[in-house]
């Protein structure tokens, strides 16, 4: 009976080994790159390379970029000059407005003083009449 048990155990071990090898071979086959998958990757890469080439063709050249930057610098300088003129004009307007307000305040003060004098004289006249 010992021989029968050993024989059955060895058969079971052989069957399990065969199953394990089948699973291993199946997994290796799934992971192995096939010609079809390599061709698909190559096609996708070629498509992306074409897209990159088209985009690069649309990019401006170095000289165009230099001209663009020079133009932007010129425009920025012109804008700065114009903004300086506007700021100067605003400063002049503020100063003029402040001068007008000072003149109005002085005239108002003088009017108040004259009004006070007139009221004082009227008061004096009224007292003299009594």
N, C-alpha and C. Protein backbone atom coordinates (compact mmCIF):
# COMPACT_ATOMS: atom_id res chain seq x y z
N UNK A 1 0.80 -1.18 0.00
CA UNK A 1 0.00 0.00 0.00
C UNK A 1 0.85 1.26 0.00
N UNK A 2 2.00 1.17 0.55
CA UNK A 2 2.93 2.29 0.53
C UNK A 2 3.26 2.71 -0.89
N UNK A 3 3.46 1.76 -1.72
CA UNK A 3 3.80 2.06 -3.11
C UNK A 3 2.63 2.72 -3.83
N UNK A 4 1.42 2.31 -3.51
CA UNK A 4 0.22 2.90 -4.13
C UNK A 4 0.07 4.36 -3.74
N UNK A 5 0.31 4.68 -2.49
CA UNK A 5 0.19 6.07 -2.00
C UNK A 5 1.25 6.94 -2.66
N UNK A 6 2.46 6.40 -2.72
CA UNK A 6 3.55 7.16 -3.34
C UNK A 6 3.23 7.38 -4.82
N UNK A 7 2.72 6.33 -5.49
CA UNK A 7 2.39 6.43 -6.91
C UNK A 7 1.29 7.50 -7.12
N UNK A 8 0.26 7.48 -6.28
CA UNK A 8 -0.82 8.46 -6.39
C UNK A 8 -0.34 9.89 -6.10
N UNK A 9 0.52 10.02 -5.11
CA UNK A 9 1.09 11.34 -4.78
C UNK A 9 1.93 11.89 -5.93
N UNK A 10 2.72 11.01 -6.53
CA UNK A 10 3.54 11.44 -7.66
C UNK A 10 2.66 11.81 -8.86
N UNK A 11 1.59 11.08 -9.07
CA UNK A 11 0.68 11.41 -10.16
C UNK A 11 0.00 12.77 -9.90
N UNK A 12 -0.40 12.98 -8.63
CA UNK A 12 -1.01 14.25 -8.26
C UNK A 12 -0.01 15.39 -8.44
N UNK A 13 1.22 15.15 -8.01
CA UNK A 13 2.27 16.16 -8.17
C UNK A 13 2.52 16.46 -9.64
N UNK A 14 2.54 15.43 -10.48
CA UNK A 14 2.74 15.61 -11.91
C UNK A 14 1.58 16.42 -12.50
N UNK A 15 0.35 16.09 -12.10
CA UNK A 15 -0.84 16.81 -12.60
C UNK A 15 -0.79 18.27 -12.18
N UNK A 16 -0.42 18.57 -10.92
CA UNK A 16 -0.32 19.95 -10.43
C UNK A 16 0.79 20.71 -11.16
N UNK A 17 1.89 20.04 -11.42
CA UNK A 17 3.00 20.67 -12.14
C UNK A 17 2.57 21.01 -13.56
N UNK A 18 1.83 20.10 -14.19
CA UNK A 18 1.34 20.34 -15.54
C UNK A 18 0.40 21.54 -15.56
N UNK A 19 -0.49 21.62 -14.57
CA UNK A 19 -1.43 22.76 -14.48
C UNK A 19 -0.67 24.06 -14.26
N UNK A 20 0.32 24.05 -13.37
CA UNK A 20 1.09 25.26 -13.09
C UNK A 20 1.85 25.71 -14.34
N UNK A 21 2.42 24.75 -15.08
CA UNK A 21 3.13 25.09 -16.32
C UNK A 21 2.17 25.65 -17.36
N UNK A 22 0.96 25.14 -17.41
CA UNK A 22 -0.03 25.64 -18.38
C UNK A 22 -0.41 27.08 -18.04
N UNK A 23 -0.62 27.36 -16.75
CA UNK A 23 -0.95 28.73 -16.34
C UNK A 23 0.22 29.66 -16.64
N UNK A 24 1.43 29.21 -16.32
CA UNK A 24 2.62 30.02 -16.57
C UNK A 24 2.79 30.30 -18.06
N UNK A 25 2.61 29.30 -18.88
CA UNK A 25 2.76 29.47 -20.34
C UNK A 25 1.69 30.41 -20.88
N UNK A 26 0.49 30.32 -20.34
CA UNK A 26 -0.59 31.22 -20.78
C UNK A 26 -0.26 32.67 -20.42
N UNK A 27 0.22 32.89 -19.20
CA UNK A 27 0.58 34.25 -18.78
C UNK A 27 1.75 34.80 -19.58
N UNK A 28 2.72 34.00 -19.87
CA UNK A 28 3.87 34.44 -20.67
C UNK A 28 3.39 34.81 -22.07
N UNK A 29 2.49 34.04 -22.62
CA UNK A 29 1.97 34.32 -23.95
C UNK A 29 1.20 35.63 -23.99
N UNK A 30 0.48 35.95 -22.93
CA UNK A 30 -0.26 37.20 -22.90
C UNK A 30 0.68 38.40 -22.79
N UNK A 31 1.79 38.21 -22.08
CA UNK A 31 2.71 39.33 -21.86
C UNK A 31 3.67 39.54 -23.02
N UNK A 32 3.84 38.54 -23.83
CA UNK A 32 4.79 38.65 -24.93
C UNK A 32 4.23 39.60 -25.98
N UNK A 33 5.09 40.49 -26.44
CA UNK A 33 4.68 41.44 -27.47
C UNK A 33 4.53 40.72 -28.80
N UNK A 34 3.42 40.96 -29.42
CA UNK A 34 3.19 40.33 -30.72
C UNK A 34 3.54 41.32 -31.82
N UNK A 35 3.66 40.82 -33.01
CA UNK A 35 3.96 41.67 -34.16
C UNK A 35 2.86 42.69 -34.36
N UNK A 36 1.63 42.27 -34.12
CA UNK A 36 0.50 43.18 -34.30
C UNK A 36 0.55 44.33 -33.30
N UNK A 37 0.85 44.03 -32.03
CA UNK A 37 0.91 45.11 -31.03
C UNK A 37 2.08 46.05 -31.31
N UNK A 38 3.18 45.51 -31.78
CA UNK A 38 4.33 46.37 -32.13
C UNK A 38 3.97 47.27 -33.30
N UNK A 39 3.27 46.73 -34.31
CA UNK A 39 2.86 47.55 -35.45
C UNK A 39 1.88 48.64 -35.02
N UNK A 40 0.96 48.33 -34.10
CA UNK A 40 0.03 49.34 -33.61
C UNK A 40 0.77 50.47 -32.91
N UNK A 41 1.72 50.12 -32.08
CA UNK A 41 2.50 51.14 -31.38
C UNK A 41 3.29 51.98 -32.38
N UNK A 42 3.88 51.33 -33.37
CA UNK A 42 4.65 52.05 -34.38
C UNK A 42 3.75 53.02 -35.16
N UNK A 43 2.52 52.58 -35.50
CA UNK A 43 1.58 53.46 -36.21
C UNK A 43 1.19 54.67 -35.37
N UNK A 44 0.91 54.44 -34.09
CA UNK A 44 0.56 55.55 -33.19
C UNK A 44 1.73 56.52 -33.07
N UNK A 45 2.94 55.98 -32.96
CA UNK A 45 4.12 56.84 -32.86
C UNK A 45 4.31 57.65 -34.15
N UNK A 46 4.10 57.03 -35.29
CA UNK A 46 4.25 57.74 -36.57
C UNK A 46 3.21 58.85 -36.68
N UNK A 47 1.98 58.57 -36.22
CA UNK A 47 0.93 59.58 -36.25
C UNK A 47 1.29 60.77 -35.36
N UNK A 48 1.80 60.49 -34.17
CA UNK A 48 2.20 61.57 -33.27
C UNK A 48 3.38 62.37 -33.84
N UNK A 49 4.29 61.68 -34.49
CA UNK A 49 5.42 62.38 -35.12
C UNK A 49 4.93 63.32 -36.23
N UNK A 50 3.95 62.89 -36.99
CA UNK A 50 3.38 63.75 -38.03
C UNK A 50 2.72 64.97 -37.42
N UNK A 51 1.97 64.77 -36.35
CA UNK A 51 1.32 65.90 -35.68
C UNK A 51 2.37 66.90 -35.16
N UNK A 52 3.44 66.38 -34.58
CA UNK A 52 4.50 67.25 -34.07
C UNK A 52 5.16 68.00 -35.22
N UNK A 53 5.40 67.32 -36.31
CA UNK A 53 6.02 67.96 -37.47
C UNK A 53 5.14 69.08 -38.02
N UNK A 54 3.80 68.85 -38.06
CA UNK A 54 2.89 69.90 -38.53
C UNK A 54 2.92 71.10 -37.59
N UNK A 55 2.92 70.83 -36.29
CA UNK A 55 2.96 71.94 -35.32
C UNK A 55 4.26 72.72 -35.42
N UNK A 56 5.37 72.00 -35.58
CA UNK A 56 6.66 72.67 -35.71
C UNK A 56 6.71 73.52 -36.97
N UNK A 57 6.05 73.06 -38.03
CA UNK A 57 6.05 73.83 -39.28
C UNK A 57 5.27 75.13 -39.12
N UNK A 58 4.31 75.15 -38.20
CA UNK A 58 3.50 76.35 -37.99
C UNK A 58 4.17 77.34 -37.04
N UNK A 59 5.18 76.92 -36.33
CA UNK A 59 5.85 77.82 -35.39
C UNK A 59 6.61 78.91 -36.14
N UNK A 60 6.66 80.11 -35.56
CA UNK A 60 7.43 81.17 -36.22
C UNK A 60 8.93 80.90 -36.11
N UNK A 61 9.65 81.44 -37.09
CA UNK A 61 11.10 81.25 -37.09
C UNK A 61 11.74 82.17 -36.04
N UNK A 62 13.01 81.97 -35.82
CA UNK A 62 13.74 82.80 -34.85
C UNK A 62 13.71 84.27 -35.27
N UNK A 63 13.92 84.53 -36.57
CA UNK A 63 13.90 85.92 -37.05
C UNK A 63 12.53 86.56 -36.87
N UNK A 64 11.47 85.77 -37.13
CA UNK A 64 10.13 86.31 -36.92
C UNK A 64 9.90 86.64 -35.46
N UNK A 65 10.38 85.77 -34.56
CA UNK A 65 10.24 86.04 -33.13
C UNK A 65 11.02 87.29 -32.72
N UNK A 66 12.20 87.47 -33.30
CA UNK A 66 12.99 88.67 -32.98
C UNK A 66 12.24 89.91 -33.45
N UNK A 67 11.70 89.87 -34.67
CA UNK A 67 10.93 91.02 -35.17
C UNK A 67 9.70 91.28 -34.30
N UNK A 68 9.05 90.23 -33.89
CA UNK A 68 7.87 90.37 -33.04
C UNK A 68 8.23 91.02 -31.70
N UNK A 69 9.33 90.59 -31.11
CA UNK A 69 9.77 91.18 -29.84
C UNK A 69 10.17 92.64 -30.02
N UNK A 70 10.83 92.94 -31.13
CA UNK A 70 11.20 94.34 -31.38
C UNK A 70 9.95 95.20 -31.54
N UNK A 71 8.97 94.68 -32.24
CA UNK A 71 7.71 95.43 -32.42
C UNK A 71 7.02 95.63 -31.07
N UNK A 72 6.98 94.58 -30.27
CA UNK A 72 6.37 94.69 -28.95
C UNK A 72 7.10 95.73 -28.09
N UNK A 73 8.43 95.74 -28.18
CA UNK A 73 9.20 96.73 -27.42
C UNK A 73 8.87 98.15 -27.89
N UNK A 74 8.81 98.33 -29.22
CA UNK A 74 8.46 99.66 -29.76
C UNK A 74 7.08 100.09 -29.28
N UNK A 75 6.13 99.18 -29.39
CA UNK A 75 4.77 99.50 -28.96
C UNK A 75 4.73 99.83 -27.47
N UNK A 76 5.48 99.09 -26.67
CA UNK A 76 5.50 99.34 -25.23
C UNK A 76 6.09 100.72 -24.94
N UNK A 77 7.14 101.09 -25.68
CA UNK A 77 7.74 102.42 -25.48
C UNK A 77 6.74 103.52 -25.87
N UNK A 78 6.07 103.31 -27.01
CA UNK A 78 5.09 104.30 -27.45
C UNK A 78 3.95 104.42 -26.44
N UNK A 79 3.50 103.30 -25.92
CA UNK A 79 2.44 103.33 -24.91
C UNK A 79 2.92 104.06 -23.66
N UNK A 80 4.17 103.83 -23.29
CA UNK A 80 4.72 104.50 -22.11
C UNK A 80 4.75 106.02 -22.32
N UNK A 81 5.15 106.44 -23.52
CA UNK A 81 5.18 107.87 -23.83
C UNK A 81 3.77 108.44 -23.77
N UNK A 82 2.82 107.74 -24.38
CA UNK A 82 1.45 108.23 -24.38
C UNK A 82 0.87 108.27 -22.97
N UNK A 83 1.17 107.25 -22.17
CA UNK A 83 0.70 107.25 -20.79
C UNK A 83 1.33 108.38 -19.98
N UNK A 84 2.58 108.67 -20.27
CA UNK A 84 3.24 109.79 -19.59
C UNK A 84 2.54 111.11 -19.95
N UNK A 85 2.18 111.26 -21.23
CA UNK A 85 1.46 112.46 -21.65
C UNK A 85 0.11 112.56 -20.94
N UNK A 86 -0.59 111.45 -20.87
CA UNK A 86 -1.89 111.44 -20.21
C UNK A 86 -1.72 111.79 -18.73
N UNK A 87 -0.71 111.21 -18.09
CA UNK A 87 -0.46 111.51 -16.67
C UNK A 87 -0.12 112.98 -16.48
N UNK A 88 0.69 113.52 -17.38
CA UNK A 88 1.03 114.95 -17.28
C UNK A 88 -0.22 115.81 -17.44
N UNK A 89 -1.06 115.43 -18.40
CA UNK A 89 -2.30 116.18 -18.63
C UNK A 89 -3.21 116.10 -17.40
N UNK A 90 -3.30 114.93 -16.82
CA UNK A 90 -4.11 114.77 -15.60
C UNK A 90 -3.55 115.60 -14.45
N UNK A 91 -2.22 115.61 -14.33
CA UNK A 91 -1.59 116.44 -13.28
C UNK A 91 -1.91 117.91 -13.50
N UNK A 92 -1.84 118.36 -14.77
CA UNK A 92 -2.18 119.75 -15.09
C UNK A 92 -3.64 120.04 -14.73
N UNK A 93 -4.51 119.09 -15.06
CA UNK A 93 -5.93 119.28 -14.76
C UNK A 93 -6.17 119.33 -13.25
N UNK A 94 -5.47 118.46 -12.51
CA UNK A 94 -5.63 118.48 -11.05
C UNK A 94 -5.13 119.79 -10.47
N UNK A 95 -3.99 120.23 -10.97
CA UNK A 95 -3.43 121.50 -10.48
C UNK A 95 -4.37 122.65 -10.81
N UNK A 96 -4.89 122.67 -12.04
CA UNK A 96 -5.83 123.70 -12.44
C UNK A 96 -7.09 123.65 -11.58
N UNK A 97 -7.57 122.44 -11.33
CA UNK A 97 -8.76 122.28 -10.50
C UNK A 97 -8.48 122.76 -9.07
N UNK A 98 -7.31 122.44 -8.55
CA UNK A 98 -6.95 122.88 -7.20
C UNK A 98 -6.86 124.41 -7.15
N UNK A 99 -6.30 124.99 -8.21
CA UNK A 99 -6.20 126.45 -8.24
C UNK A 99 -7.59 127.06 -8.28
N UNK A 100 -8.50 126.48 -9.06
CA UNK A 100 -9.87 127.00 -9.12
C UNK A 100 -10.56 126.86 -7.76
N UNK A 101 -10.34 125.70 -7.11
CA UNK A 101 -10.95 125.52 -5.79
C UNK A 101 -10.40 126.53 -4.79
N UNK A 102 -9.10 126.78 -4.87
CA UNK A 102 -8.50 127.79 -3.98
C UNK A 102 -9.10 129.18 -4.27
N UNK A 103 -9.27 129.51 -5.53
CA UNK A 103 -9.86 130.78 -5.92
C UNK A 103 -11.30 130.90 -5.41
N UNK A 104 -12.07 129.81 -5.57
CA UNK A 104 -13.45 129.80 -5.08
C UNK A 104 -13.47 129.96 -3.57
N UNK A 105 -12.58 129.26 -2.88
CA UNK A 105 -12.54 129.36 -1.42
C UNK A 105 -12.17 130.79 -1.00
N UNK A 106 -11.20 131.40 -1.69
CA UNK A 106 -10.79 132.77 -1.35
C UNK A 106 -11.94 133.75 -1.62
N UNK A 107 -12.60 133.57 -2.79
CA UNK A 107 -13.73 134.44 -3.12
C UNK A 107 -14.87 134.26 -2.11
N UNK A 108 -15.09 133.02 -1.71
CA UNK A 108 -16.14 132.74 -0.73
C UNK A 108 -15.80 133.40 0.60
N UNK A 109 -14.54 133.35 0.97
CA UNK A 109 -14.11 133.97 2.22
C UNK A 109 -14.28 135.49 2.14
N UNK A 110 -13.88 136.07 1.00
CA UNK A 110 -14.02 137.51 0.82
C UNK A 110 -15.50 137.91 0.83
N UNK A 111 -16.34 137.08 0.18
CA UNK A 111 -17.78 137.35 0.18
C UNK A 111 -18.34 137.30 1.59
N UNK A 112 -17.88 136.32 2.35
CA UNK A 112 -18.33 136.21 3.73
C UNK A 112 -17.92 137.43 4.54
N UNK A 113 -16.68 137.89 4.31
CA UNK A 113 -16.21 139.08 5.03
C UNK A 113 -17.03 140.31 4.63
N UNK A 114 -17.27 140.46 3.33
CA UNK A 114 -18.07 141.60 2.87
C UNK A 114 -19.50 141.53 3.42
N UNK A 115 -20.04 140.34 3.42
CA UNK A 115 -21.38 140.15 3.96
C UNK A 115 -21.40 140.51 5.44
N UNK A 116 -20.35 140.12 6.16
CA UNK A 116 -20.25 140.46 7.57
C UNK A 116 -20.16 141.96 7.77
N UNK A 117 -19.40 142.62 6.92
CA UNK A 117 -19.28 144.07 7.02
C UNK A 117 -20.62 144.75 6.74
N UNK A 118 -21.32 144.27 5.68
CA UNK A 118 -22.61 144.84 5.34
C UNK A 118 -23.58 144.65 6.49
N UNK A 119 -23.60 143.47 7.07
CA UNK A 119 -24.49 143.20 8.19
C UNK A 119 -24.13 144.09 9.38
N UNK A 120 -22.84 144.26 9.58
CA UNK A 120 -22.41 145.14 10.68
C UNK A 120 -22.85 146.57 10.45
N UNK A 121 -22.72 147.04 9.22
CA UNK A 121 -23.14 148.41 8.91
C UNK A 121 -24.66 148.55 9.04
N UNK A 122 -25.42 147.53 8.59
CA UNK A 122 -26.87 147.58 8.74
C UNK A 122 -27.27 147.60 10.21
N UNK A 123 -26.56 146.83 10.98
CA UNK A 123 -26.84 146.81 12.41
C UNK A 123 -26.57 148.18 13.01
N UNK A 124 -25.49 148.80 12.57
CA UNK A 124 -25.12 150.15 13.07
C UNK A 124 -26.17 151.15 12.65
N UNK A 125 -26.63 151.06 11.41
CA UNK A 125 -27.65 151.99 10.93
C UNK A 125 -28.94 151.81 11.74
N UNK A 126 -29.30 150.57 12.00
CA UNK A 126 -30.51 150.30 12.78
C UNK A 126 -30.38 150.84 14.20
N UNK A 127 -29.20 150.73 14.77
CA UNK A 127 -29.01 151.27 16.13
C UNK A 127 -29.05 152.79 16.12
N UNK A 128 -28.52 153.37 15.07
CA UNK A 128 -28.52 154.85 14.98
C UNK A 128 -29.96 155.37 14.83
N UNK A 129 -30.80 154.63 14.18
CA UNK A 129 -32.17 155.04 13.96
C UNK A 129 -32.97 154.97 15.26
N UNK A 130 -32.60 154.20 16.18
CA UNK A 130 -33.35 154.05 17.42
C UNK A 130 -33.00 155.13 18.30
